[in-house]
Amino acid sequence: MQWHAELLLAGFPSRLLPGRKRIVCLAVQKEGVLVDANGTLFNCTEAPRLAWGAS
């Protein structure tokens, strides 16, 4: 990793990591899905935090 840091400091572009995608919500992505600890699938990151059916 030292050589990579030195390349970055010298101004060379990095292709080691993929570029950043500025997408805020999974719901706008065709293949966007969230899997919770129980294996339940959600298309929104907010859904697992809501108390659905809780009384």
N, C-alpha and C. Protein backbone atom coordinates (compact mmCIF):
# COMPACT_ATOMS: atom_id res chain seq x y z
N MET A 1 0.82 -1.20 0.00
CA MET A 1 0.00 0.00 0.00
C MET A 1 0.86 1.26 0.00
N GLN A 2 2.07 1.15 0.48
CA GLN A 2 2.93 2.33 0.50
C GLN A 2 3.16 2.88 -0.90
N TRP A 3 3.38 1.98 -1.86
CA TRP A 3 3.62 2.44 -3.23
C TRP A 3 2.39 3.13 -3.79
N HIS A 4 1.21 2.66 -3.40
CA HIS A 4 -0.03 3.28 -3.88
C HIS A 4 -0.17 4.68 -3.30
N ALA A 5 0.12 4.85 -2.04
CA ALA A 5 0.05 6.17 -1.40
C ALA A 5 1.04 7.13 -2.06
N GLU A 6 2.22 6.64 -2.39
CA GLU A 6 3.22 7.49 -3.03
C GLU A 6 2.78 7.91 -4.43
N LEU A 7 2.13 7.00 -5.16
CA LEU A 7 1.60 7.35 -6.48
C LEU A 7 0.54 8.44 -6.37
N LEU A 8 -0.35 8.31 -5.39
CA LEU A 8 -1.39 9.32 -5.19
C LEU A 8 -0.78 10.68 -4.85
N LEU A 9 0.21 10.67 -3.97
CA LEU A 9 0.87 11.92 -3.59
C LEU A 9 1.59 12.55 -4.78
N ALA A 10 2.05 11.74 -5.71
CA ALA A 10 2.74 12.24 -6.90
C ALA A 10 1.75 12.73 -7.97
N GLY A 11 0.44 12.54 -7.73
CA GLY A 11 -0.56 13.05 -8.65
C GLY A 11 -1.08 12.04 -9.67
N PHE A 12 -0.68 10.78 -9.54
CA PHE A 12 -1.19 9.76 -10.45
C PHE A 12 -2.61 9.36 -10.05
N PRO A 13 -3.48 9.10 -11.04
CA PRO A 13 -4.85 8.69 -10.71
C PRO A 13 -4.88 7.28 -10.11
N SER A 14 -5.84 7.05 -9.25
CA SER A 14 -5.99 5.74 -8.61
C SER A 14 -7.09 4.94 -9.29
N ARG A 15 -6.79 3.72 -9.66
CA ARG A 15 -7.79 2.83 -10.22
C ARG A 15 -7.92 1.58 -9.33
N LEU A 16 -7.37 1.67 -8.14
CA LEU A 16 -7.41 0.56 -7.20
C LEU A 16 -8.82 0.33 -6.66
N LEU A 17 -9.54 1.43 -6.38
CA LEU A 17 -10.91 1.36 -5.87
C LEU A 17 -11.87 1.88 -6.93
N PRO A 18 -13.08 1.35 -6.98
CA PRO A 18 -14.06 1.87 -7.94
C PRO A 18 -14.46 3.30 -7.61
N GLY A 19 -14.95 4.00 -8.60
CA GLY A 19 -15.38 5.39 -8.40
C GLY A 19 -16.61 5.47 -7.52
N ARG A 20 -16.83 6.63 -6.98
CA ARG A 20 -17.97 6.88 -6.10
C ARG A 20 -19.23 7.11 -6.91
N LYS A 21 -20.34 6.51 -6.49
CA LYS A 21 -21.64 6.73 -7.11
C LYS A 21 -22.49 7.53 -6.14
N ARG A 22 -22.97 8.65 -6.59
CA ARG A 22 -23.76 9.52 -5.72
C ARG A 22 -25.25 9.22 -5.85
N ILE A 23 -25.64 8.07 -5.36
CA ILE A 23 -27.05 7.67 -5.36
C ILE A 23 -27.50 7.60 -3.90
N VAL A 24 -28.53 8.34 -3.58
CA VAL A 24 -28.96 8.47 -2.20
C VAL A 24 -29.80 7.30 -1.72
N CYS A 25 -30.67 6.77 -2.58
CA CYS A 25 -31.64 5.78 -2.14
C CYS A 25 -31.58 4.51 -2.98
N LEU A 26 -31.67 3.35 -2.33
CA LEU A 26 -31.69 2.08 -3.05
C LEU A 26 -32.93 1.93 -3.93
N ALA A 27 -34.01 2.58 -3.56
CA ALA A 27 -35.28 2.42 -4.28
C ALA A 27 -35.19 2.89 -5.73
N VAL A 28 -34.24 3.77 -6.05
CA VAL A 28 -34.12 4.27 -7.42
C VAL A 28 -33.21 3.41 -8.28
N GLN A 29 -32.64 2.36 -7.70
CA GLN A 29 -31.79 1.44 -8.45
C GLN A 29 -32.55 0.17 -8.77
N LYS A 30 -32.44 -0.29 -10.01
CA LYS A 30 -33.15 -1.49 -10.44
C LYS A 30 -32.78 -2.70 -9.60
N GLU A 31 -31.48 -2.87 -9.32
CA GLU A 31 -31.04 -4.04 -8.56
C GLU A 31 -30.73 -3.70 -7.09
N GLY A 32 -31.22 -2.56 -6.61
CA GLY A 32 -30.98 -2.15 -5.23
C GLY A 32 -31.80 -2.98 -4.25
N VAL A 33 -31.13 -3.61 -3.31
CA VAL A 33 -31.83 -4.42 -2.31
C VAL A 33 -31.01 -4.43 -1.02
N LEU A 34 -31.70 -4.48 0.09
CA LEU A 34 -31.07 -4.56 1.40
C LEU A 34 -31.53 -5.86 2.04
N VAL A 35 -30.61 -6.61 2.62
CA VAL A 35 -30.94 -7.86 3.30
C VAL A 35 -30.68 -7.64 4.79
N ASP A 36 -31.71 -7.86 5.62
CA ASP A 36 -31.51 -7.68 7.06
C ASP A 36 -30.91 -8.95 7.68
N ALA A 37 -30.70 -8.94 8.97
CA ALA A 37 -30.05 -10.05 9.67
C ALA A 37 -30.85 -11.35 9.59
N ASN A 38 -32.14 -11.25 9.34
CA ASN A 38 -33.00 -12.44 9.24
C ASN A 38 -33.15 -12.93 7.80
N GLY A 39 -32.54 -12.24 6.85
CA GLY A 39 -32.63 -12.63 5.45
C GLY A 39 -33.80 -12.01 4.71
N THR A 40 -34.53 -11.11 5.35
CA THR A 40 -35.65 -10.43 4.72
C THR A 40 -35.12 -9.38 3.74
N LEU A 41 -35.72 -9.30 2.55
CA LEU A 41 -35.29 -8.36 1.52
C LEU A 41 -36.12 -7.09 1.59
N PHE A 42 -35.46 -5.95 1.43
CA PHE A 42 -36.11 -4.64 1.41
C PHE A 42 -35.57 -3.85 0.23
N ASN A 43 -36.41 -2.99 -0.36
CA ASN A 43 -35.94 -2.11 -1.42
C ASN A 43 -35.65 -0.72 -0.89
N CYS A 44 -35.71 -0.56 0.42
CA CYS A 44 -35.47 0.74 1.04
C CYS A 44 -34.69 0.52 2.34
N THR A 45 -33.70 1.37 2.58
CA THR A 45 -32.89 1.22 3.79
C THR A 45 -33.64 1.65 5.05
N GLU A 46 -34.74 2.38 4.90
CA GLU A 46 -35.52 2.83 6.06
C GLU A 46 -36.48 1.75 6.55
N ALA A 47 -36.90 0.84 5.69
CA ALA A 47 -37.92 -0.14 6.04
C ALA A 47 -37.56 -1.04 7.23
N PRO A 48 -36.32 -1.56 7.36
CA PRO A 48 -36.03 -2.43 8.50
C PRO A 48 -36.11 -1.72 9.85
N ARG A 49 -36.00 -0.40 9.85
CA ARG A 49 -36.02 0.34 11.12
C ARG A 49 -37.43 0.66 11.58
N LEU A 50 -38.40 0.48 10.69
CA LEU A 50 -39.78 0.78 11.07
C LEU A 50 -40.37 -0.42 11.79
N ALA A 51 -41.22 -0.17 12.75
CA ALA A 51 -41.84 -1.23 13.54
C ALA A 51 -43.15 -1.67 12.87
N TRP A 52 -43.05 -2.41 11.79
CA TRP A 52 -44.24 -2.89 11.09
C TRP A 52 -44.99 -3.91 11.94
N GLY A 53 -46.23 -3.66 12.17
CA GLY A 53 -47.06 -4.61 12.90
C GLY A 53 -46.77 -4.71 14.39
N ALA A 54 -45.90 -3.86 14.88
CA ALA A 54 -45.58 -3.90 16.32
C ALA A 54 -46.71 -3.25 17.10
N SER A 55 -47.01 -3.82 18.24
CA SER A 55 -48.09 -3.24 19.05
C SER A 55 -47.58 -2.87 20.42
